[in-house]
Amino acid sequence: MLFRVLAIILALSITGCSSWVYRIDIPQGNYLEQKDIDKLQIAMTKEQVKFILGSPVINDAFDKDTWYYVYRFRSGRSEEFNVNKNFIIKFEDDTLISAEGDFTVSDNFNTPMKN
């Protein structure tokens, strides 16, 4: 009987400490920085954009000219640190025509690159 009471007390005390359990942070996708977004300019090729931002997380199977850069961060400590960022790049004839999402393109974005 005493063993059962001790087992129950032990089980309850362990579950009470569950807030002390370490939970890992989970980053997923493309981590983009504003300094890299600022390098984008209209009429860049897909290879140039890939060199600056890396490969997109999502390639639309039905639209090869739209690239999706998605980043999710789930904090193991608190939901206030969670981050969701999206950035969509569109091409036409292998050249960049638009970029939109959770980042701001630079003032030079609409100035075509000089070849």
C-alpha atoms as a PDB file:
ATOM      1  CA  MET A   1       0.000   0.000   0.000  1.00  0.00           C
ATOM      2  CA  LEU A   2       2.787   2.397   0.929  1.00  0.00           C
ATOM      3  CA  PHE A   3       4.521   1.585  -2.358  1.00  0.00           C
ATOM      4  CA  ARG A   4       1.409   2.571  -4.353  1.00  0.00           C
ATOM      5  CA  VAL A   5       1.062   5.871  -2.502  1.00  0.00           C
ATOM      6  CA  LEU A   6       4.726   6.684  -3.113  1.00  0.00           C
ATOM      7  CA  ALA A   7       4.364   5.775  -6.805  1.00  0.00           C
ATOM      8  CA  ILE A   8       1.359   8.087  -7.154  1.00  0.00           C
ATOM      9  CA  ILE A   9       3.159  10.940  -5.387  1.00  0.00           C
ATOM     10  CA  LEU A  10       6.215  10.419  -7.590  1.00  0.00           C
ATOM     11  CA  ALA A  11       4.091  10.384 -10.763  1.00  0.00           C
ATOM     12  CA  LEU A  12       2.281  13.576  -9.784  1.00  0.00           C
ATOM     13  CA  SER A  13       5.508  15.362  -8.905  1.00  0.00           C
ATOM     14  CA  ILE A  14       7.103  14.433 -12.240  1.00  0.00           C
ATOM     15  CA  THR A  15       4.112  15.684 -14.245  1.00  0.00           C
ATOM     16  CA  GLY A  16       4.204  18.916 -12.257  1.00  0.00           C
ATOM     17  CA  CYS A  17       7.722  19.562 -13.579  1.00  0.00           C
ATOM     18  CA  SER A  18       6.772  19.151 -17.223  1.00  0.00           C
ATOM     19  CA  SER A  19       7.178  22.899 -17.779  1.00  0.00           C
ATOM     20  CA  TRP A  20      10.897  22.397 -17.125  1.00  0.00           C
ATOM     21  CA  VAL A  21      11.245  19.997 -20.031  1.00  0.00           C
ATOM     22  CA  TYR A  22      13.492  21.382 -22.766  1.00  0.00           C
ATOM     23  CA  ARG A  23      11.721  21.922 -26.074  1.00  0.00           C
ATOM     24  CA  ILE A  24      13.798  22.551 -29.166  1.00  0.00           C
ATOM     25  CA  ASP A  25      13.397  25.433 -31.609  1.00  0.00           C
ATOM     26  CA  ILE A  26      12.232  24.299 -35.053  1.00  0.00           C
ATOM     27  CA  PRO A  27      13.339  26.428 -38.035  1.00  0.00           C
ATOM     28  CA  GLN A  28      11.977  25.384 -41.447  1.00  0.00           C
ATOM     29  CA  GLY A  29      12.385  26.796 -44.936  1.00  0.00           C
ATOM     30  CA  ASN A  30      14.433  29.659 -46.376  1.00  0.00           C
ATOM     31  CA  TYR A  31      15.777  32.174 -43.902  1.00  0.00           C
ATOM     32  CA  LEU A  32      15.942  35.429 -45.862  1.00  0.00           C
ATOM     33  CA  GLU A  33      17.459  38.714 -44.766  1.00  0.00           C
ATOM     34  CA  GLN A  34      16.454  42.183 -45.902  1.00  0.00           C
ATOM     35  CA  LYS A  35      20.008  42.866 -47.148  1.00  0.00           C
ATOM     36  CA  ASP A  36      19.607  40.025 -49.667  1.00  0.00           C
ATOM     37  CA  ILE A  37      16.160  41.222 -50.781  1.00  0.00           C
ATOM     38  CA  ASP A  38      17.716  44.661 -51.400  1.00  0.00           C
ATOM     39  CA  LYS A  39      20.028  43.101 -54.017  1.00  0.00           C
ATOM     40  CA  LEU A  40      17.117  42.046 -56.249  1.00  0.00           C
ATOM     41  CA  GLN A  41      16.414  44.027 -59.415  1.00  0.00           C
ATOM     42  CA  ILE A  42      13.854  43.681 -62.150  1.00  0.00           C
ATOM     43  CA  ALA A  43      14.993  41.656 -65.195  1.00  0.00           C
ATOM     44  CA  MET A  44      17.384  39.434 -63.226  1.00  0.00           C
ATOM     45  CA  THR A  45      17.560  35.859 -64.452  1.00  0.00           C
ATOM     46  CA  LYS A  46      16.416  32.886 -62.396  1.00  0.00           C
ATOM     47  CA  GLU A  47      20.059  31.904 -61.850  1.00  0.00           C
ATOM     48  CA  GLN A  48      20.921  35.356 -60.511  1.00  0.00           C
ATOM     49  CA  VAL A  49      17.975  35.287 -58.095  1.00  0.00           C
ATOM     50  CA  LYS A  50      18.912  31.763 -56.989  1.00  0.00           C
ATOM     51  CA  PHE A  51      22.494  32.939 -56.367  1.00  0.00           C
ATOM     52  CA  ILE A  52      21.245  35.721 -54.074  1.00  0.00           C
ATOM     53  CA  LEU A  53      18.356  34.010 -52.250  1.00  0.00           C
ATOM     54  CA  GLY A  54      19.075  30.320 -52.704  1.00  0.00           C
ATOM     55  CA  SER A  55      16.662  27.735 -54.051  1.00  0.00           C
ATOM     56  CA  PRO A  56      12.994  28.309 -53.240  1.00  0.00           C
ATOM     57  CA  VAL A  57      11.250  26.001 -50.792  1.00  0.00           C
ATOM     58  CA  ILE A  58       8.256  25.567 -53.085  1.00  0.00           C
ATOM     59  CA  ASN A  59       8.304  25.266 -56.868  1.00  0.00           C
ATOM     60  CA  ASP A  60       4.785  25.365 -58.228  1.00  0.00           C
ATOM     61  CA  ALA A  61       4.330  22.296 -60.430  1.00  0.00           C
ATOM     62  CA  PHE A  62       1.795  24.153 -62.583  1.00  0.00           C
ATOM     63  CA  ASP A  63       3.634  27.475 -62.780  1.00  0.00           C
ATOM     64  CA  LYS A  64       7.428  27.198 -63.160  1.00  0.00           C
ATOM     65  CA  ASP A  65       7.691  30.993 -63.193  1.00  0.00           C
ATOM     66  CA  THR A  66       6.566  31.478 -59.575  1.00  0.00           C
ATOM     67  CA  TRP A  67       8.923  30.757 -56.692  1.00  0.00           C
ATOM     68  CA  TYR A  68       7.849  30.674 -53.050  1.00  0.00           C
ATOM     69  CA  TYR A  69      10.286  31.379 -50.252  1.00  0.00           C
ATOM     70  CA  VAL A  70       8.708  30.332 -46.963  1.00  0.00           C
ATOM     71  CA  TYR A  71      10.227  30.461 -43.485  1.00  0.00           C
ATOM     72  CA  ARG A  72       8.681  29.167 -40.283  1.00  0.00           C
ATOM     73  CA  PHE A  73      10.273  29.284 -36.842  1.00  0.00           C
ATOM     74  CA  ARG A  74       8.622  27.561 -33.904  1.00  0.00           C
ATOM     75  CA  SER A  75      10.173  28.403 -30.574  1.00  0.00           C
ATOM     76  CA  GLY A  76      10.396  25.703 -27.953  1.00  0.00           C
ATOM     77  CA  ARG A  77      10.195  28.315 -25.205  1.00  0.00           C
ATOM     78  CA  SER A  78       7.340  30.643 -26.060  1.00  0.00           C
ATOM     79  CA  GLU A  79       4.893  31.288 -28.873  1.00  0.00           C
ATOM     80  CA  GLU A  80       5.774  34.990 -28.796  1.00  0.00           C
ATOM     81  CA  PHE A  81       9.034  34.113 -30.590  1.00  0.00           C
ATOM     82  CA  ASN A  82       7.327  32.261 -33.470  1.00  0.00           C
ATOM     83  CA  VAL A  83       7.997  33.707 -36.936  1.00  0.00           C
ATOM     84  CA  ASN A  84       6.198  33.207 -40.273  1.00  0.00           C
ATOM     85  CA  LYS A  85       7.668  34.881 -43.377  1.00  0.00           C
ATOM     86  CA  ASN A  86       6.653  34.498 -47.025  1.00  0.00           C
ATOM     87  CA  PHE A  87       8.193  35.963 -50.174  1.00  0.00           C
ATOM     88  CA  ILE A  88       6.958  35.313 -53.714  1.00  0.00           C
ATOM     89  CA  ILE A  89       9.092  35.856 -56.823  1.00  0.00           C
ATOM     90  CA  LYS A  90       7.561  35.895 -60.316  1.00  0.00           C
ATOM     91  CA  PHE A  91       9.358  35.509 -63.620  1.00  0.00           C
ATOM     92  CA  GLU A  92       8.414  35.924 -67.254  1.00  0.00           C
ATOM     93  CA  ASP A  93      10.661  34.528 -69.993  1.00  0.00           C
ATOM     94  CA  ASP A  94      13.304  33.662 -67.366  1.00  0.00           C
ATOM     95  CA  THR A  95      13.510  37.256 -66.066  1.00  0.00           C
ATOM     96  CA  LEU A  96      12.304  38.664 -62.757  1.00  0.00           C
ATOM     97  CA  ILE A  97       9.117  40.726 -63.075  1.00  0.00           C
ATOM     98  CA  SER A  98       7.846  41.019 -59.482  1.00  0.00           C
ATOM     99  CA  ALA A  99       8.593  40.271 -55.862  1.00  0.00           C
ATOM    100  CA  GLU A 100       6.196  40.588 -52.949  1.00  0.00           C
ATOM    101  CA  GLY A 101       5.632  39.356 -49.442  1.00  0.00           C
ATOM    102  CA  ASP A 102       6.853  40.023 -45.919  1.00  0.00           C
ATOM    103  CA  PHE A 103       9.915  41.942 -47.106  1.00  0.00           C
ATOM    104  CA  THR A 104      10.166  45.316 -48.829  1.00  0.00           C
ATOM    105  CA  VAL A 105      11.978  45.519 -52.159  1.00  0.00           C
ATOM    106  CA  SER A 106      14.555  48.302 -52.491  1.00  0.00           C
ATOM    107  CA  ASP A 107      14.034  51.548 -54.363  1.00  0.00           C
ATOM    108  CA  ASN A 108      16.393  50.162 -57.037  1.00  0.00           C
ATOM    109  CA  PHE A 109      14.232  47.111 -57.650  1.00  0.00           C
ATOM    110  CA  ASN A 110      12.480  48.644 -60.666  1.00  0.00           C
ATOM    111  CA  THR A 111      15.767  49.732 -62.262  1.00  0.00           C
ATOM    112  CA  PRO A 112      16.841  46.989 -64.690  1.00  0.00           C
ATOM    113  CA  MET A 113      20.333  45.576 -64.318  1.00  0.00           C
ATOM    114  CA  LYS A 114      23.004  46.840 -66.699  1.00  0.00           C
ATOM    115  CA  ASN A 115      24.523  44.058 -68.787  1.00  0.00           C
END
